[in-house]
PDB file of all heavy atoms in Angstrom:
ATOM      1  N   PRO A   1       0.822  -1.224  -0.019  1.00  0.00           N
ATOM      2  CA  PRO A   1       0.016   0.028  -0.021  1.00  0.00           C
ATOM      3  C   PRO A   1       0.899   1.241   0.032  1.00  0.00           C
ATOM      4  O   PRO A   1       1.922   1.265   0.615  1.00  0.00           O
ATOM      5  CB  PRO A   1      -0.778  -0.102   1.312  1.00  0.00           C
ATOM      6  CG  PRO A   1      -0.676  -1.582   1.700  1.00  0.00           C
ATOM      7  CD  PRO A   1       0.640  -2.077   1.198  1.00  0.00           C
ATOM      8  N   VAL A   2       0.321   2.301  -0.670  1.00  0.00           N
ATOM      9  CA  VAL A   2       1.131   3.467  -0.749  1.00  0.00           C
ATOM     10  C   VAL A   2       0.249   4.672  -0.335  1.00  0.00           C
ATOM     11  O   VAL A   2      -1.004   4.600  -0.433  1.00  0.00           O
ATOM     12  CB  VAL A   2       1.733   3.766  -2.138  1.00  0.00           C
ATOM     13  CG1 VAL A   2       2.770   2.711  -2.559  1.00  0.00           C
ATOM     14  CG2 VAL A   2       0.605   3.752  -3.219  1.00  0.00           C
ATOM     15  N   VAL A   3       0.896   5.762   0.073  1.00  0.00           N
ATOM     16  CA  VAL A   3       0.172   6.978   0.435  1.00  0.00           C
ATOM     17  C   VAL A   3      -0.282   7.743  -0.851  1.00  0.00           C
ATOM     18  O   VAL A   3       0.541   7.837  -1.801  1.00  0.00           O
ATOM     19  CB  VAL A   3       1.105   7.952   1.269  1.00  0.00           C
ATOM     20  CG1 VAL A   3       0.326   9.243   1.550  1.00  0.00           C
ATOM     21  CG2 VAL A   3       1.469   7.186   2.518  1.00  0.00           C
ATOM     22  N   LYS A   4      -1.476   8.228  -0.888  1.00  0.00           N
ATOM     23  CA  LYS A   4      -1.968   8.915  -2.007  1.00  0.00           C
ATOM     24  C   LYS A   4      -2.478  10.305  -1.534  1.00  0.00           C
ATOM     25  O   LYS A   4      -3.122  10.390  -0.478  1.00  0.00           O
ATOM     26  CB  LYS A   4      -3.132   8.178  -2.720  1.00  0.00           C
ATOM     27  CG  LYS A   4      -2.699   6.838  -3.247  1.00  0.00           C
ATOM     28  CD  LYS A   4      -3.896   6.074  -3.915  1.00  0.00           C
ATOM     29  CE  LYS A   4      -3.514   4.697  -4.373  1.00  0.00           C
ATOM     30  NZ  LYS A   4      -4.665   3.972  -4.866  1.00  0.00           N
ATOM     31  N   GLU A   5      -2.176  11.350  -2.256  1.00  0.00           N
ATOM     32  CA  GLU A   5      -2.608  12.679  -1.865  1.00  0.00           C
ATOM     33  C   GLU A   5      -3.402  13.346  -3.019  1.00  0.00           C
ATOM     34  O   GLU A   5      -3.112  13.174  -4.178  1.00  0.00           O
ATOM     35  CB  GLU A   5      -1.367  13.631  -1.573  1.00  0.00           C
ATOM     36  CG  GLU A   5      -0.660  13.233  -0.311  1.00  0.00           C
ATOM     37  CD  GLU A   5       0.351  14.271   0.096  1.00  0.00           C
ATOM     38  OE1 GLU A   5       0.095  15.425  -0.258  1.00  0.00           O
ATOM     39  OE2 GLU A   5       1.323  13.927   0.749  1.00  0.00           O
ATOM     40  N   GLN A   6      -4.540  14.061  -2.616  1.00  0.00           N
ATOM     41  CA  GLN A   6      -5.333  14.707  -3.578  1.00  0.00           C
ATOM     42  C   GLN A   6      -5.973  15.982  -2.906  1.00  0.00           C
ATOM     43  O   GLN A   6      -6.557  15.830  -1.826  1.00  0.00           O
ATOM     44  CB  GLN A   6      -6.433  13.829  -4.116  1.00  0.00           C
ATOM     45  CG  GLN A   6      -7.342  14.459  -5.124  1.00  0.00           C
ATOM     46  CD  GLN A   6      -8.355  13.450  -5.710  1.00  0.00           C
ATOM     47  OE1 GLN A   6      -8.275  12.262  -5.439  1.00  0.00           O
ATOM     48  NE2 GLN A   6      -9.303  14.027  -6.499  1.00  0.00           N
ATOM     49  N   ASP A   7      -5.690  17.117  -3.504  1.00  0.00           N
ATOM     50  CA  ASP A   7      -6.273  18.270  -2.910  1.00  0.00           C
ATOM     51  C   ASP A   7      -5.784  18.632  -1.474  1.00  0.00           C
ATOM     52  O   ASP A   7      -6.483  19.038  -0.622  1.00  0.00           O
ATOM     53  CB  ASP A   7      -7.799  18.379  -3.037  1.00  0.00           C
ATOM     54  CG  ASP A   7      -8.289  18.294  -4.447  1.00  0.00           C
ATOM     55  OD1 ASP A   7      -7.601  18.761  -5.279  1.00  0.00           O
ATOM     56  OD2 ASP A   7      -9.401  17.668  -4.586  1.00  0.00           O
ATOM     57  N   GLY A   8      -4.523  18.217  -1.228  1.00  0.00           N
ATOM     58  CA  GLY A   8      -3.975  18.371   0.072  1.00  0.00           C
ATOM     59  C   GLY A   8      -4.457  17.377   1.141  1.00  0.00           C
ATOM     60  O   GLY A   8      -4.005  17.554   2.305  1.00  0.00           O
ATOM     61  N   LYS A   9      -5.291  16.423   0.765  1.00  0.00           N
ATOM     62  CA  LYS A   9      -5.744  15.418   1.725  1.00  0.00           C
ATOM     63  C   LYS A   9      -4.940  14.103   1.479  1.00  0.00           C
ATOM     64  O   LYS A   9      -4.714  13.803   0.252  1.00  0.00           O
ATOM     65  CB  LYS A   9      -7.179  15.195   1.615  1.00  0.00           C
ATOM     66  CG  LYS A   9      -8.072  16.389   2.125  1.00  0.00           C
ATOM     67  CD  LYS A   9      -9.564  16.065   2.039  1.00  0.00           C
ATOM     68  CE  LYS A   9     -10.330  17.203   2.612  1.00  0.00           C
ATOM     69  NZ  LYS A   9     -11.806  16.913   2.551  1.00  0.00           N
ATOM     70  N   VAL A  10      -4.625  13.392   2.518  1.00  0.00           N
ATOM     71  CA  VAL A  10      -3.921  12.158   2.431  1.00  0.00           C
ATOM     72  C   VAL A  10      -4.904  10.989   2.372  1.00  0.00           C
ATOM     73  O   VAL A  10      -5.749  10.901   3.193  1.00  0.00           O
ATOM     74  CB  VAL A  10      -2.928  11.964   3.524  1.00  0.00           C
ATOM     75  CG1 VAL A  10      -2.252  10.657   3.473  1.00  0.00           C
ATOM     76  CG2 VAL A  10      -1.835  13.040   3.443  1.00  0.00           C
ATOM     77  N   TYR A  11      -4.849  10.107   1.374  1.00  0.00           N
ATOM     78  CA  TYR A  11      -5.674   8.995   1.275  1.00  0.00           C
ATOM     79  C   TYR A  11      -4.668   7.756   1.323  1.00  0.00           C
ATOM     80  O   TYR A  11      -3.942   7.535   0.429  1.00  0.00           O
ATOM     81  CB  TYR A  11      -6.430   8.903  -0.020  1.00  0.00           C
ATOM     82  CG  TYR A  11      -7.435  10.118  -0.182  1.00  0.00           C
ATOM     83  CD1 TYR A  11      -6.942  11.291  -0.729  1.00  0.00           C
ATOM     84  CD2 TYR A  11      -8.694  10.021   0.366  1.00  0.00           C
ATOM     85  CE1 TYR A  11      -7.771  12.375  -0.864  1.00  0.00           C
ATOM     86  CE2 TYR A  11      -9.531  11.084   0.232  1.00  0.00           C
ATOM     87  CZ  TYR A  11      -9.055  12.295  -0.362  1.00  0.00           C
ATOM     88  OH  TYR A  11      -9.957  13.401  -0.490  1.00  0.00           O
ATOM     89  N   ASN A  12      -4.741   7.020   2.479  1.00  0.00           N
ATOM     90  CA  ASN A  12      -3.717   5.973   2.641  1.00  0.00           C
ATOM     91  C   ASN A  12      -4.371   4.783   3.347  1.00  0.00           C
ATOM     92  O   ASN A  12      -4.881   4.838   4.374  1.00  0.00           O
ATOM     93  CB  ASN A  12      -2.650   6.585   3.598  1.00  0.00           C
ATOM     94  CG  ASN A  12      -1.576   5.590   3.836  1.00  0.00           C
ATOM     95  OD1 ASN A  12      -1.495   4.512   3.205  1.00  0.00           O
ATOM     96  ND2 ASN A  12      -0.612   5.963   4.731  1.00  0.00           N
ATOM     97  N   GLU A  13      -4.324   3.671   2.606  1.00  0.00           N
ATOM     98  CA  GLU A  13      -4.850   2.438   3.162  1.00  0.00           C
ATOM     99  C   GLU A  13      -4.265   2.107   4.526  1.00  0.00           C
ATOM    100  O   GLU A  13      -4.924   1.543   5.381  1.00  0.00           O
ATOM    101  CB  GLU A  13      -4.587   1.243   2.197  1.00  0.00           C
ATOM    102  CG  GLU A  13      -5.485   1.207   0.951  1.00  0.00           C
ATOM    103  CD  GLU A  13      -5.239  -0.004   0.098  1.00  0.00           C
ATOM    104  OE1 GLU A  13      -4.030  -0.259  -0.128  1.00  0.00           O
ATOM    105  OE2 GLU A  13      -6.186  -0.647  -0.230  1.00  0.00           O
ATOM    106  N   VAL A  14      -3.006   2.466   4.668  1.00  0.00           N
ATOM    107  CA  VAL A  14      -2.322   2.003   5.859  1.00  0.00           C
ATOM    108  C   VAL A  14      -2.625   2.869   7.107  1.00  0.00           C
ATOM    109  O   VAL A  14      -2.332   2.621   8.235  1.00  0.00           O
ATOM    110  CB  VAL A  14      -0.779   1.960   5.710  1.00  0.00           C
ATOM    111  CG1 VAL A  14      -0.036   1.455   6.823  1.00  0.00           C
ATOM    112  CG2 VAL A  14      -0.468   1.121   4.464  1.00  0.00           C
ATOM    113  N   THR A  15      -3.399   3.968   6.817  1.00  0.00           N
ATOM    114  CA  THR A  15      -3.883   4.731   7.967  1.00  0.00           C
ATOM    115  C   THR A  15      -5.404   4.373   8.302  1.00  0.00           C
ATOM    116  O   THR A  15      -6.003   4.871   9.188  1.00  0.00           O
ATOM    117  CB  THR A  15      -3.779   6.286   7.836  1.00  0.00           C
ATOM    118  OG1 THR A  15      -4.510   6.578   6.690  1.00  0.00           O
ATOM    119  CG2 THR A  15      -2.374   6.621   7.671  1.00  0.00           C
ATOM    120  N   ASP A  16      -5.903   3.543   7.411  1.00  0.00           N
ATOM    121  CA  ASP A  16      -7.332   3.094   7.620  1.00  0.00           C
ATOM    122  C   ASP A  16      -7.343   1.939   8.599  1.00  0.00           C
ATOM    123  O   ASP A  16      -6.684   0.931   8.417  1.00  0.00           O
ATOM    124  CB  ASP A  16      -7.916   2.588   6.249  1.00  0.00           C
ATOM    125  CG  ASP A  16      -9.358   2.091   6.414  1.00  0.00           C
ATOM    126  OD1 ASP A  16     -10.285   2.960   6.568  1.00  0.00           O
ATOM    127  OD2 ASP A  16      -9.501   0.876   6.455  1.00  0.00           O
ATOM    128  N   LYS A  17      -8.050   2.074   9.730  1.00  0.00           N
ATOM    129  CA  LYS A  17      -8.021   1.271  10.862  1.00  0.00           C
ATOM    130  C   LYS A  17      -8.367  -0.234  10.347  1.00  0.00           C
ATOM    131  O   LYS A  17      -7.757  -1.237  10.785  1.00  0.00           O
ATOM    132  CB  LYS A  17      -8.906   1.681  11.979  1.00  0.00           C
ATOM    133  CG  LYS A  17      -8.375   2.880  12.791  1.00  0.00           C
ATOM    134  CD  LYS A  17      -7.094   2.470  13.553  1.00  0.00           C
ATOM    135  CE  LYS A  17      -6.741   3.615  14.515  1.00  0.00           C
ATOM    136  NZ  LYS A  17      -5.563   3.291  15.305  1.00  0.00           N
ATOM    137  N   GLU A  18      -9.508  -0.305   9.633  1.00  0.00           N
ATOM    138  CA  GLU A  18      -9.957  -1.608   9.318  1.00  0.00           C
ATOM    139  C   GLU A  18      -8.968  -2.394   8.378  1.00  0.00           C
ATOM    140  O   GLU A  18      -8.728  -3.546   8.534  1.00  0.00           O
ATOM    141  CB  GLU A  18     -11.332  -1.584   8.623  1.00  0.00           C
ATOM    142  CG  GLU A  18     -11.938  -2.938   8.284  1.00  0.00           C
ATOM    143  CD  GLU A  18     -13.356  -2.987   7.894  1.00  0.00           C
ATOM    144  OE1 GLU A  18     -14.093  -1.979   8.187  1.00  0.00           O
ATOM    145  OE2 GLU A  18     -13.835  -3.924   7.192  1.00  0.00           O
ATOM    146  N   PHE A  19      -8.382  -1.644   7.438  1.00  0.00           N
ATOM    147  CA  PHE A  19      -7.360  -2.188   6.598  1.00  0.00           C
ATOM    148  C   PHE A  19      -6.221  -2.732   7.528  1.00  0.00           C
ATOM    149  O   PHE A  19      -5.770  -3.860   7.305  1.00  0.00           O
ATOM    150  CB  PHE A  19      -6.858  -1.197   5.631  1.00  0.00           C
ATOM    151  CG  PHE A  19      -5.668  -1.665   4.781  1.00  0.00           C
ATOM    152  CD1 PHE A  19      -5.961  -2.389   3.592  1.00  0.00           C
ATOM    153  CD2 PHE A  19      -4.413  -1.533   5.213  1.00  0.00           C
ATOM    154  CE1 PHE A  19      -4.840  -2.823   2.876  1.00  0.00           C
ATOM    155  CE2 PHE A  19      -3.343  -1.948   4.445  1.00  0.00           C
ATOM    156  CZ  PHE A  19      -3.568  -2.657   3.244  1.00  0.00           C
ATOM    157  N   ARG A  20      -5.772  -1.965   8.452  1.00  0.00           N
ATOM    158  CA  ARG A  20      -4.670  -2.301   9.218  1.00  0.00           C
ATOM    159  C   ARG A  20      -4.909  -3.518  10.082  1.00  0.00           C
ATOM    160  O   ARG A  20      -4.099  -4.426  10.266  1.00  0.00           O
ATOM    161  CB  ARG A  20      -4.237  -1.139  10.065  1.00  0.00           C
ATOM    162  CG  ARG A  20      -3.514   0.024   9.438  1.00  0.00           C
ATOM    163  CD  ARG A  20      -3.292   1.196  10.294  1.00  0.00           C
ATOM    164  NE  ARG A  20      -2.417   0.686  11.407  1.00  0.00           N
ATOM    165  CZ  ARG A  20      -2.348   1.341  12.571  1.00  0.00           C
ATOM    166  NH1 ARG A  20      -2.920   2.463  12.737  1.00  0.00           N
ATOM    167  NH2 ARG A  20      -1.524   0.915  13.495  1.00  0.00           N
ATOM    168  N   TYR A  21      -6.165  -3.566  10.678  1.00  0.00           N
ATOM    169  CA  TYR A  21      -6.492  -4.739  11.521  1.00  0.00           C
ATOM    170  C   TYR A  21      -6.683  -5.948  10.658  1.00  0.00           C
ATOM    171  O   TYR A  21      -6.260  -7.122  11.068  1.00  0.00           O
ATOM    172  CB  TYR A  21      -7.743  -4.542  12.258  1.00  0.00           C
ATOM    173  CG  TYR A  21      -7.644  -3.324  13.218  1.00  0.00           C
ATOM    174  CD1 TYR A  21      -8.824  -2.511  13.476  1.00  0.00           C
ATOM    175  CD2 TYR A  21      -6.536  -2.956  13.848  1.00  0.00           C
ATOM    176  CE1 TYR A  21      -8.793  -1.453  14.353  1.00  0.00           C
ATOM    177  CE2 TYR A  21      -6.426  -1.793  14.663  1.00  0.00           C
ATOM    178  CZ  TYR A  21      -7.539  -1.035  14.920  1.00  0.00           C
ATOM    179  OH  TYR A  21      -7.554   0.015  15.721  1.00  0.00           O
ATOM    180  N   ARG A  22      -7.265  -5.816   9.438  1.00  0.00           N
ATOM    181  CA  ARG A  22      -7.496  -6.960   8.691  1.00  0.00           C
ATOM    182  C   ARG A  22      -6.287  -7.503   7.927  1.00  0.00           C
ATOM    183  O   ARG A  22      -6.141  -8.744   7.799  1.00  0.00           O
ATOM    184  CB  ARG A  22      -8.610  -6.605   7.614  1.00  0.00           C
ATOM    185  CG  ARG A  22      -9.236  -7.794   6.974  1.00  0.00           C
ATOM    186  CD  ARG A  22     -10.347  -7.302   6.037  1.00  0.00           C
ATOM    187  NE  ARG A  22     -11.470  -6.704   6.702  1.00  0.00           N
ATOM    188  CZ  ARG A  22     -12.443  -7.271   7.412  1.00  0.00           C
ATOM    189  NH1 ARG A  22     -12.443  -8.586   7.559  1.00  0.00           N
ATOM    190  NH2 ARG A  22     -13.433  -6.561   7.992  1.00  0.00           N
ATOM    191  N   GLN A  23      -5.387  -6.629   7.509  1.00  0.00           N
ATOM    192  CA  GLN A  23      -4.157  -6.986   6.867  1.00  0.00           C
ATOM    193  C   GLN A  23      -3.040  -6.569   7.731  1.00  0.00           C
ATOM    194  O   GLN A  23      -2.230  -5.677   7.389  1.00  0.00           O
ATOM    195  CB  GLN A  23      -4.110  -6.397   5.462  1.00  0.00           C
ATOM    196  CG  GLN A  23      -5.142  -6.865   4.529  1.00  0.00           C
ATOM    197  CD  GLN A  23      -4.885  -6.447   3.025  1.00  0.00           C
ATOM    198  OE1 GLN A  23      -3.765  -6.358   2.602  1.00  0.00           O
ATOM    199  NE2 GLN A  23      -5.946  -6.226   2.337  1.00  0.00           N
ATOM    200  N   ARG A  24      -2.968  -7.140   8.900  1.00  0.00           N
ATOM    201  CA  ARG A  24      -1.900  -6.789   9.932  1.00  0.00           C
ATOM    202  C   ARG A  24      -0.497  -6.965   9.299  1.00  0.00           C
ATOM    203  O   ARG A  24       0.398  -6.225   9.622  1.00  0.00           O
ATOM    204  CB  ARG A  24      -2.034  -7.607  11.222  1.00  0.00           C
ATOM    205  CG  ARG A  24      -1.042  -7.261  12.217  1.00  0.00           C
ATOM    206  CD  ARG A  24      -1.258  -5.801  12.733  1.00  0.00           C
ATOM    207  NE  ARG A  24      -2.325  -5.802  13.803  1.00  0.00           N
ATOM    208  CZ  ARG A  24      -2.747  -4.740  14.393  1.00  0.00           C
ATOM    209  NH1 ARG A  24      -2.350  -3.517  13.958  1.00  0.00           N
ATOM    210  NH2 ARG A  24      -3.718  -4.796  15.294  1.00  0.00           N
ATOM    211  N   TYR A  25      -0.336  -7.931   8.398  1.00  0.00           N
ATOM    212  CA  TYR A  25       0.974  -8.210   7.838  1.00  0.00           C
ATOM    213  C   TYR A  25       1.419  -6.950   7.057  1.00  0.00           C
ATOM    214  O   TYR A  25       2.601  -6.580   7.129  1.00  0.00           O
ATOM    215  CB  TYR A  25       0.942  -9.457   6.928  1.00  0.00           C
ATOM    216  CG  TYR A  25      -0.413  -9.619   6.200  1.00  0.00           C
ATOM    217  CD1 TYR A  25      -0.715  -8.983   5.051  1.00  0.00           C
ATOM    218  CD2 TYR A  25      -1.410 -10.456   6.767  1.00  0.00           C
ATOM    219  CE1 TYR A  25      -1.918  -9.113   4.395  1.00  0.00           C
ATOM    220  CE2 TYR A  25      -2.617 -10.583   6.133  1.00  0.00           C
ATOM    221  CZ  TYR A  25      -2.868  -9.946   4.961  1.00  0.00           C
ATOM    222  OH  TYR A  25      -4.088 -10.031   4.353  1.00  0.00           O
ATOM    223  N   ALA A  26       0.526  -6.368   6.291  1.00  0.00           N
ATOM    224  CA  ALA A  26       0.847  -5.112   5.555  1.00  0.00           C
ATOM    225  C   ALA A  26       1.131  -3.994   6.501  1.00  0.00           C
ATOM    226  O   ALA A  26       2.021  -3.199   6.355  1.00  0.00           O
ATOM    227  CB  ALA A  26      -0.206  -4.792   4.514  1.00  0.00           C
ATOM    228  N   ASP A  27       0.340  -3.884   7.523  1.00  0.00           N
ATOM    229  CA  ASP A  27       0.522  -2.843   8.551  1.00  0.00           C
ATOM    230  C   ASP A  27       1.859  -2.905   9.179  1.00  0.00           C
ATOM    231  O   ASP A  27       2.568  -1.907   9.336  1.00  0.00           O
ATOM    232  CB  ASP A  27      -0.647  -3.007   9.634  1.00  0.00           C
ATOM    233  CG  ASP A  27      -0.644  -1.975  10.688  1.00  0.00           C
ATOM    234  OD1 ASP A  27      -0.164  -0.820  10.436  1.00  0.00           O
ATOM    235  OD2 ASP A  27      -1.033  -2.310  11.853  1.00  0.00           O
ATOM    236  N   LEU A  28       2.304  -4.120   9.472  1.00  0.00           N
ATOM    237  CA  LEU A  28       3.636  -4.370  10.106  1.00  0.00           C
ATOM    238  C   LEU A  28       4.818  -3.924   9.143  1.00  0.00           C
ATOM    239  O   LEU A  28       5.802  -3.457   9.562  1.00  0.00           O
ATOM    240  CB  LEU A  28       3.802  -5.747  10.612  1.00  0.00           C
ATOM    241  CG  LEU A  28       2.840  -6.154  11.733  1.00  0.00           C
ATOM    242  CD1 LEU A  28       2.907  -7.677  11.932  1.00  0.00           C
ATOM    243  CD2 LEU A  28       3.190  -5.484  13.078  1.00  0.00           C
ATOM    244  N   ILE A  29       4.655  -4.211   7.921  1.00  0.00           N
ATOM    245  CA  ILE A  29       5.670  -3.930   6.950  1.00  0.00           C
ATOM    246  C   ILE A  29       5.804  -2.390   6.831  1.00  0.00           C
ATOM    247  O   ILE A  29       6.937  -1.833   6.882  1.00  0.00           O
ATOM    248  CB  ILE A  29       5.278  -4.471   5.559  1.00  0.00           C
ATOM    249  CG1 ILE A  29       5.326  -6.006   5.466  1.00  0.00           C
ATOM    250  CG2 ILE A  29       6.247  -3.932   4.477  1.00  0.00           C
ATOM    251  CD1 ILE A  29       4.799  -6.626   4.272  1.00  0.00           C
ATOM    252  N   ILE A  30       4.645  -1.684   6.695  1.00  0.00           N
ATOM    253  CA  ILE A  30       4.735  -0.272   6.360  1.00  0.00           C
ATOM    254  C   ILE A  30       4.952   0.597   7.614  1.00  0.00           C
ATOM    255  O   ILE A  30       5.655   1.602   7.587  1.00  0.00           O
ATOM    256  CB  ILE A  30       3.434   0.205   5.759  1.00  0.00           C
ATOM    257  CG1 ILE A  30       3.184  -0.558   4.387  1.00  0.00           C
ATOM    258  CG2 ILE A  30       3.340   1.629   5.493  1.00  0.00           C
ATOM    259  CD1 ILE A  30       4.192  -0.325   3.357  1.00  0.00           C
ATOM    260  N   ASN A  31       4.547   0.179   8.758  1.00  0.00           N
ATOM    261  CA  ASN A  31       4.576   0.998  10.049  1.00  0.00           C
ATOM    262  C   ASN A  31       5.486   0.375  11.085  1.00  0.00           C
ATOM    263  O   ASN A  31       5.012  -0.501  11.866  1.00  0.00           O
ATOM    264  CB  ASN A  31       3.172   1.166  10.605  1.00  0.00           C
ATOM    265  CG  ASN A  31       2.203   1.930   9.671  1.00  0.00           C
ATOM    266  OD1 ASN A  31       2.664   2.992   9.155  1.00  0.00           O
ATOM    267  ND2 ASN A  31       1.020   1.452   9.447  1.00  0.00           N
ATOM    268  N   PRO A  32       6.753   0.703  11.073  1.00  0.00           N
ATOM    269  CA  PRO A  32       7.637   0.088  12.039  1.00  0.00           C
ATOM    270  C   PRO A  32       7.233   0.407  13.497  1.00  0.00           C
ATOM    271  O   PRO A  32       7.460  -0.418  14.436  1.00  0.00           O
ATOM    272  CB  PRO A  32       8.990   0.840  11.704  1.00  0.00           C
ATOM    273  CG  PRO A  32       8.658   2.009  10.970  1.00  0.00           C
ATOM    274  CD  PRO A  32       7.438   1.705  10.231  1.00  0.00           C
ATOM    275  N   GLU A  33       6.435   1.526  13.787  1.00  0.00           N
ATOM    276  CA  GLU A  33       6.000   1.829  15.108  1.00  0.00           C
ATOM    277  C   GLU A  33       4.993   0.757  15.607  1.00  0.00           C
ATOM    278  O   GLU A  33       4.874   0.554  16.843  1.00  0.00           O
ATOM    279  CB  GLU A  33       5.391   3.222  15.184  1.00  0.00           C
ATOM    280  CG  GLU A  33       4.104   3.427  14.453  1.00  0.00           C
ATOM    281  CD  GLU A  33       4.346   3.789  13.039  1.00  0.00           C
ATOM    282  OE1 GLU A  33       5.482   3.660  12.481  1.00  0.00           O
ATOM    283  OE2 GLU A  33       3.301   4.197  12.292  1.00  0.00           O
ATOM    284  N   VAL A  34       4.302   0.181  14.675  1.00  0.00           N
ATOM    285  CA  VAL A  34       3.437  -0.920  15.072  1.00  0.00           C
ATOM    286  C   VAL A  34       4.182  -2.190  15.475  1.00  0.00           C
ATOM    287  O   VAL A  34       3.739  -2.850  16.484  1.00  0.00           O
ATOM    288  CB  VAL A  34       2.446  -1.234  13.954  1.00  0.00           C
ATOM    289  CG1 VAL A  34       1.540  -2.518  14.267  1.00  0.00           C
ATOM    290  CG2 VAL A  34       1.583  -0.064  13.521  1.00  0.00           C
ATOM    291  N   ARG A  35       5.309  -2.498  14.864  1.00  0.00           N
ATOM    292  CA  ARG A  35       6.059  -3.563  15.280  1.00  0.00           C
ATOM    293  C   ARG A  35       6.581  -3.300  16.679  1.00  0.00           C
ATOM    294  O   ARG A  35       6.691  -4.184  17.528  1.00  0.00           O
ATOM    295  CB  ARG A  35       7.220  -3.752  14.289  1.00  0.00           C
ATOM    296  CG  ARG A  35       6.850  -4.243  12.935  1.00  0.00           C
ATOM    297  CD  ARG A  35       7.956  -4.898  12.155  1.00  0.00           C
ATOM    298  NE  ARG A  35       9.107  -4.071  12.019  1.00  0.00           N
ATOM    299  CZ  ARG A  35       9.220  -3.144  10.983  1.00  0.00           C
ATOM    300  NH1 ARG A  35       8.278  -3.047  10.070  1.00  0.00           N
ATOM    301  NH2 ARG A  35      10.283  -2.485  10.893  1.00  0.00           N
ATOM    302  N   GLU A  36       6.927  -2.036  16.984  1.00  0.00           N
ATOM    303  CA  GLU A  36       7.378  -1.692  18.342  1.00  0.00           C
ATOM    304  C   GLU A  36       6.350  -1.908  19.389  1.00  0.00           C
ATOM    305  O   GLU A  36       6.671  -2.263  20.525  1.00  0.00           O
ATOM    306  CB  GLU A  36       7.976  -0.303  18.316  1.00  0.00           C
ATOM    307  CG  GLU A  36       8.547   0.116  19.694  1.00  0.00           C
ATOM    308  CD  GLU A  36       9.801  -0.720  20.017  1.00  0.00           C
ATOM    309  OE1 GLU A  36      10.441  -1.317  19.224  1.00  0.00           O
ATOM    310  OE2 GLU A  36      10.046  -0.831  21.210  1.00  0.00           O
ATOM    311  N   VAL A  37       5.071  -1.638  19.035  1.00  0.00           N
ATOM    312  CA  VAL A  37       3.972  -1.852  19.988  1.00  0.00           C
ATOM    313  C   VAL A  37       3.945  -3.299  20.460  1.00  0.00           C
ATOM    314  O   VAL A  37       3.849  -3.547  21.653  1.00  0.00           O
ATOM    315  CB  VAL A  37       2.622  -1.508  19.377  1.00  0.00           C
ATOM    316  CG1 VAL A  37       1.419  -1.991  20.268  1.00  0.00           C
ATOM    317  CG2 VAL A  37       2.528   0.067  19.281  1.00  0.00           C
ATOM    318  N   PHE A  38       4.106  -4.214  19.518  1.00  0.00           N
ATOM    319  CA  PHE A  38       3.987  -5.573  19.857  1.00  0.00           C
ATOM    320  C   PHE A  38       5.311  -6.181  20.506  1.00  0.00           C
ATOM    321  O   PHE A  38       5.229  -7.147  21.246  1.00  0.00           O
ATOM    322  CB  PHE A  38       3.543  -6.430  18.692  1.00  0.00           C
ATOM    323  CG  PHE A  38       2.108  -6.152  18.297  1.00  0.00           C
ATOM    324  CD1 PHE A  38       1.849  -5.247  17.256  1.00  0.00           C
ATOM    325  CD2 PHE A  38       1.115  -6.708  18.989  1.00  0.00           C
ATOM    326  CE1 PHE A  38       0.470  -4.944  16.972  1.00  0.00           C
ATOM    327  CE2 PHE A  38      -0.210  -6.469  18.737  1.00  0.00           C
ATOM    328  CZ  PHE A  38      -0.578  -5.540  17.733  1.00  0.00           C
ATOM    329  N   ARG A  39       6.397  -5.494  20.246  1.00  0.00           N
ATOM    330  CA  ARG A  39       7.570  -5.895  20.987  1.00  0.00           C
ATOM    331  C   ARG A  39       7.399  -5.466  22.404  1.00  0.00           C
ATOM    332  O   ARG A  39       7.773  -6.237  23.384  1.00  0.00           O
ATOM    333  CB  ARG A  39       8.825  -5.106  20.400  1.00  0.00           C
ATOM    334  CG  ARG A  39       9.374  -5.720  19.085  1.00  0.00           C
ATOM    335  CD  ARG A  39      10.715  -5.167  18.807  1.00  0.00           C
ATOM    336  NE  ARG A  39      11.092  -5.609  17.465  1.00  0.00           N
ATOM    337  CZ  ARG A  39      11.020  -4.870  16.326  1.00  0.00           C
ATOM    338  NH1 ARG A  39      10.489  -3.633  16.390  1.00  0.00           N
ATOM    339  NH2 ARG A  39      11.418  -5.333  15.157  1.00  0.00           N
ATOM    340  N   LYS A  40       6.895  -4.244  22.679  1.00  0.00           N
ATOM    341  CA  LYS A  40       6.564  -3.810  24.016  1.00  0.00           C
ATOM    342  C   LYS A  40       5.633  -4.705  24.749  1.00  0.00           C
ATOM    343  O   LYS A  40       5.764  -5.053  25.937  1.00  0.00           O
ATOM    344  CB  LYS A  40       6.100  -2.353  24.115  1.00  0.00           C
ATOM    345  CG  LYS A  40       7.200  -1.359  23.867  1.00  0.00           C
ATOM    346  CD  LYS A  40       6.633   0.063  24.087  1.00  0.00           C
ATOM    347  CE  LYS A  40       7.763   1.082  24.032  1.00  0.00           C
ATOM    348  NZ  LYS A  40       7.206   2.461  24.286  1.00  0.00           N
ATOM    349  N   ARG A  41       4.528  -5.145  24.082  1.00  0.00           N
ATOM    350  CA  ARG A  41       3.576  -6.075  24.595  1.00  0.00           C
ATOM    351  C   ARG A  41       4.384  -7.376  25.033  1.00  0.00           C
ATOM    352  O   ARG A  41       4.076  -7.845  26.170  1.00  0.00           O
ATOM    353  CB  ARG A  41       2.445  -6.418  23.611  1.00  0.00           C
ATOM    354  CG  ARG A  41       1.456  -7.416  24.208  1.00  0.00           C
ATOM    355  CD  ARG A  41       0.474  -7.844  23.073  1.00  0.00           C
ATOM    356  NE  ARG A  41      -0.220  -8.952  23.573  1.00  0.00           N
ATOM    357  CZ  ARG A  41      -1.504  -8.977  23.859  1.00  0.00           C
ATOM    358  NH1 ARG A  41      -2.203  -7.877  23.760  1.00  0.00           N
ATOM    359  NH2 ARG A  41      -2.104 -10.050  24.383  1.00  0.00           N
ATOM    360  N   ALA A  42       5.157  -7.919  24.176  1.00  0.00           N
ATOM    361  CA  ALA A  42       5.892  -9.128  24.474  1.00  0.00           C
ATOM    362  C   ALA A  42       6.824  -8.932  25.775  1.00  0.00           C
ATOM    363  O   ALA A  42       6.913  -9.758  26.606  1.00  0.00           O
ATOM    364  CB  ALA A  42       6.620  -9.588  23.298  1.00  0.00           C
TER     365      ALA A  42
END
């Protein structure tokens, strides 16, 4: 997934909560801070 911008607004699948929860594997690839959350949980 990639960030898309139109008219100054950001349209990004990876900031969409449902996308991130459903495709956690993509979320973890794109957002290193998410990987850190689960390291802290562990």
